[in-house]
Amino acid sequence: MTRDFRSYLKADGRKADAAMAGHVLTVYVRNPEGTDRTEAWVRVTYGVMEQEDADRAARVFARWRSSVYGDHGHVGVTGPAKTDAEADW
């Protein structure tokens, strides 16, 4: 999933999204049993002074999952030094 998300970022055509690809370390996605809501976690290199970038990563991930997979869920983005962001899609 990490490779797929990075590829989307690079191919999406938005310069800011393409630059984000290098900050994505890992992507984990799971579909808990008994629900149709996907759960995802994205680890990034964004730190404390880059909260806006982490928030953007959550929004872009949500847009990607919705447009490419058509599913619904929640993503948590974490970086070093308590940098966290979340988004639903």
C-alpha atoms as a PDB file:
ATOM      1  CA  MET A   1       0.000   0.000   0.000  1.00  0.00           C
ATOM      2  CA  THR A   2       2.938   2.337   0.656  1.00  0.00           C
ATOM      3  CA  ARG A   3       4.153   2.049  -2.915  1.00  0.00           C
ATOM      4  CA  ASP A   4       0.632   2.609  -4.306  1.00  0.00           C
ATOM      5  CA  PHE A   5       0.092   5.762  -2.266  1.00  0.00           C
ATOM      6  CA  ARG A   6       3.505   7.163  -3.187  1.00  0.00           C
ATOM      7  CA  SER A   7       2.819   6.459  -6.872  1.00  0.00           C
ATOM      8  CA  TYR A   8      -0.493   8.292  -6.626  1.00  0.00           C
ATOM      9  CA  LEU A   9       1.207  11.295  -5.040  1.00  0.00           C
ATOM     10  CA  LYS A  10       3.787  11.469  -7.804  1.00  0.00           C
ATOM     11  CA  ALA A  11       1.293  10.988 -10.634  1.00  0.00           C
ATOM     12  CA  ASP A  12      -1.551  13.146  -9.338  1.00  0.00           C
ATOM     13  CA  GLY A  13      -0.216  16.272 -11.032  1.00  0.00           C
ATOM     14  CA  ARG A  14      -0.183  18.475  -7.940  1.00  0.00           C
ATOM     15  CA  LYS A  15       3.331  19.651  -7.144  1.00  0.00           C
ATOM     16  CA  ALA A  16       2.712  19.752  -3.370  1.00  0.00           C
ATOM     17  CA  ASP A  17       1.407  16.179  -3.443  1.00  0.00           C
ATOM     18  CA  ALA A  18       4.407  14.929  -5.420  1.00  0.00           C
ATOM     19  CA  ALA A  19       6.754  16.483  -2.844  1.00  0.00           C
ATOM     20  CA  MET A  20       4.846  14.683  -0.077  1.00  0.00           C
ATOM     21  CA  ALA A  21       5.762  11.249  -1.498  1.00  0.00           C
ATOM     22  CA  GLY A  22       9.274  11.433  -0.049  1.00  0.00           C
ATOM     23  CA  HIS A  23       7.858  12.007   3.445  1.00  0.00           C
ATOM     24  CA  VAL A  24       5.646   8.895   3.468  1.00  0.00           C
ATOM     25  CA  LEU A  25       7.404   6.080   5.324  1.00  0.00           C
ATOM     26  CA  THR A  26       4.714   3.409   5.582  1.00  0.00           C
ATOM     27  CA  VAL A  27       1.016   2.883   4.916  1.00  0.00           C
ATOM     28  CA  TYR A  28      -1.043   0.218   6.665  1.00  0.00           C
ATOM     29  CA  VAL A  29      -4.650  -0.499   5.751  1.00  0.00           C
ATOM     30  CA  ARG A  30      -7.050  -3.002   7.270  1.00  0.00           C
ATOM     31  CA  ASN A  31     -10.730  -3.819   7.073  1.00  0.00           C
ATOM     32  CA  PRO A  32     -11.933  -4.868  10.520  1.00  0.00           C
ATOM     33  CA  GLU A  33     -14.214  -7.869  10.537  1.00  0.00           C
ATOM     34  CA  GLY A  34     -17.895  -7.045  10.791  1.00  0.00           C
ATOM     35  CA  THR A  35     -17.638  -3.519   9.371  1.00  0.00           C
ATOM     36  CA  ASP A  36     -17.349  -1.926   5.959  1.00  0.00           C
ATOM     37  CA  ARG A  37     -15.212   0.931   7.292  1.00  0.00           C
ATOM     38  CA  THR A  38     -11.512   0.789   6.392  1.00  0.00           C
ATOM     39  CA  GLU A  39      -8.860   1.800   8.924  1.00  0.00           C
ATOM     40  CA  ALA A  40      -5.540   3.216   7.753  1.00  0.00           C
ATOM     41  CA  TRP A  41      -2.338   4.498   9.349  1.00  0.00           C
ATOM     42  CA  VAL A  42       0.285   6.520   7.535  1.00  0.00           C
ATOM     43  CA  ARG A  43       3.719   7.174   9.049  1.00  0.00           C
ATOM     44  CA  VAL A  44       5.435  10.323   7.789  1.00  0.00           C
ATOM     45  CA  THR A  45       8.633  12.236   8.501  1.00  0.00           C
ATOM     46  CA  TYR A  46       6.824  15.500   9.248  1.00  0.00           C
ATOM     47  CA  GLY A  47       7.718  16.895  12.669  1.00  0.00           C
ATOM     48  CA  VAL A  48       6.261  19.376  15.143  1.00  0.00           C
ATOM     49  CA  MET A  49       6.705  22.455  12.973  1.00  0.00           C
ATOM     50  CA  GLU A  50       5.065  20.701  10.014  1.00  0.00           C
ATOM     51  CA  GLN A  51       1.572  20.044  11.391  1.00  0.00           C
ATOM     52  CA  GLU A  52      -0.060  21.571   8.304  1.00  0.00           C
ATOM     53  CA  ASP A  53       1.823  19.088   6.123  1.00  0.00           C
ATOM     54  CA  ALA A  54       0.608  16.189   8.266  1.00  0.00           C
ATOM     55  CA  ASP A  55      -2.965  17.502   8.028  1.00  0.00           C
ATOM     56  CA  ARG A  56      -2.584  17.735   4.252  1.00  0.00           C
ATOM     57  CA  ALA A  57      -1.263  14.159   4.113  1.00  0.00           C
ATOM     58  CA  ALA A  58      -4.410  12.949   5.885  1.00  0.00           C
ATOM     59  CA  ARG A  59      -6.673  14.852   3.471  1.00  0.00           C
ATOM     60  CA  VAL A  60      -4.785  13.627   0.400  1.00  0.00           C
ATOM     61  CA  PHE A  61      -4.834  10.025   1.631  1.00  0.00           C
ATOM     62  CA  ALA A  62      -8.610  10.285   2.159  1.00  0.00           C
ATOM     63  CA  ARG A  63      -9.053  11.710  -1.349  1.00  0.00           C
ATOM     64  CA  TRP A  64      -6.933   8.896  -2.809  1.00  0.00           C
ATOM     65  CA  ARG A  65      -8.826   6.087  -1.081  1.00  0.00           C
ATOM     66  CA  SER A  66     -12.182   7.562  -1.993  1.00  0.00           C
ATOM     67  CA  SER A  67     -11.334   8.184  -5.640  1.00  0.00           C
ATOM     68  CA  VAL A  68      -9.310   5.037  -6.361  1.00  0.00           C
ATOM     69  CA  TYR A  69     -10.919   2.419  -4.107  1.00  0.00           C
ATOM     70  CA  GLY A  70     -14.365   3.914  -3.516  1.00  0.00           C
ATOM     71  CA  ASP A  71     -14.402   2.758   0.090  1.00  0.00           C
ATOM     72  CA  HIS A  72     -15.071   4.615   3.347  1.00  0.00           C
ATOM     73  CA  GLY A  73     -12.890   4.830   6.404  1.00  0.00           C
ATOM     74  CA  HIS A  74     -10.586   6.719   8.710  1.00  0.00           C
ATOM     75  CA  VAL A  75      -6.876   7.518   8.447  1.00  0.00           C
ATOM     76  CA  GLY A  76      -4.449   8.480  11.152  1.00  0.00           C
ATOM     77  CA  VAL A  77      -1.185  10.130  10.132  1.00  0.00           C
ATOM     78  CA  THR A  78       1.688  10.085  12.614  1.00  0.00           C
ATOM     79  CA  GLY A  79       5.103  11.628  12.552  1.00  0.00           C
ATOM     80  CA  PRO A  80       7.889  12.148  15.069  1.00  0.00           C
ATOM     81  CA  ALA A  81       7.450  14.352  18.136  1.00  0.00           C
ATOM     82  CA  LYS A  82       3.686  13.874  18.522  1.00  0.00           C
ATOM     83  CA  THR A  83       2.742  15.077  15.044  1.00  0.00           C
ATOM     84  CA  ASP A  84      -0.695  13.588  14.401  1.00  0.00           C
ATOM     85  CA  ALA A  85      -3.510  14.187  11.917  1.00  0.00           C
ATOM     86  CA  GLU A  86      -6.746  12.389  11.095  1.00  0.00           C
ATOM     87  CA  ALA A  87      -9.351  12.374   8.349  1.00  0.00           C
ATOM     88  CA  ASP A  88     -12.465  10.449   7.415  1.00  0.00           C
ATOM     89  CA  TRP A  89     -13.441   9.599   3.884  1.00  0.00           C
END
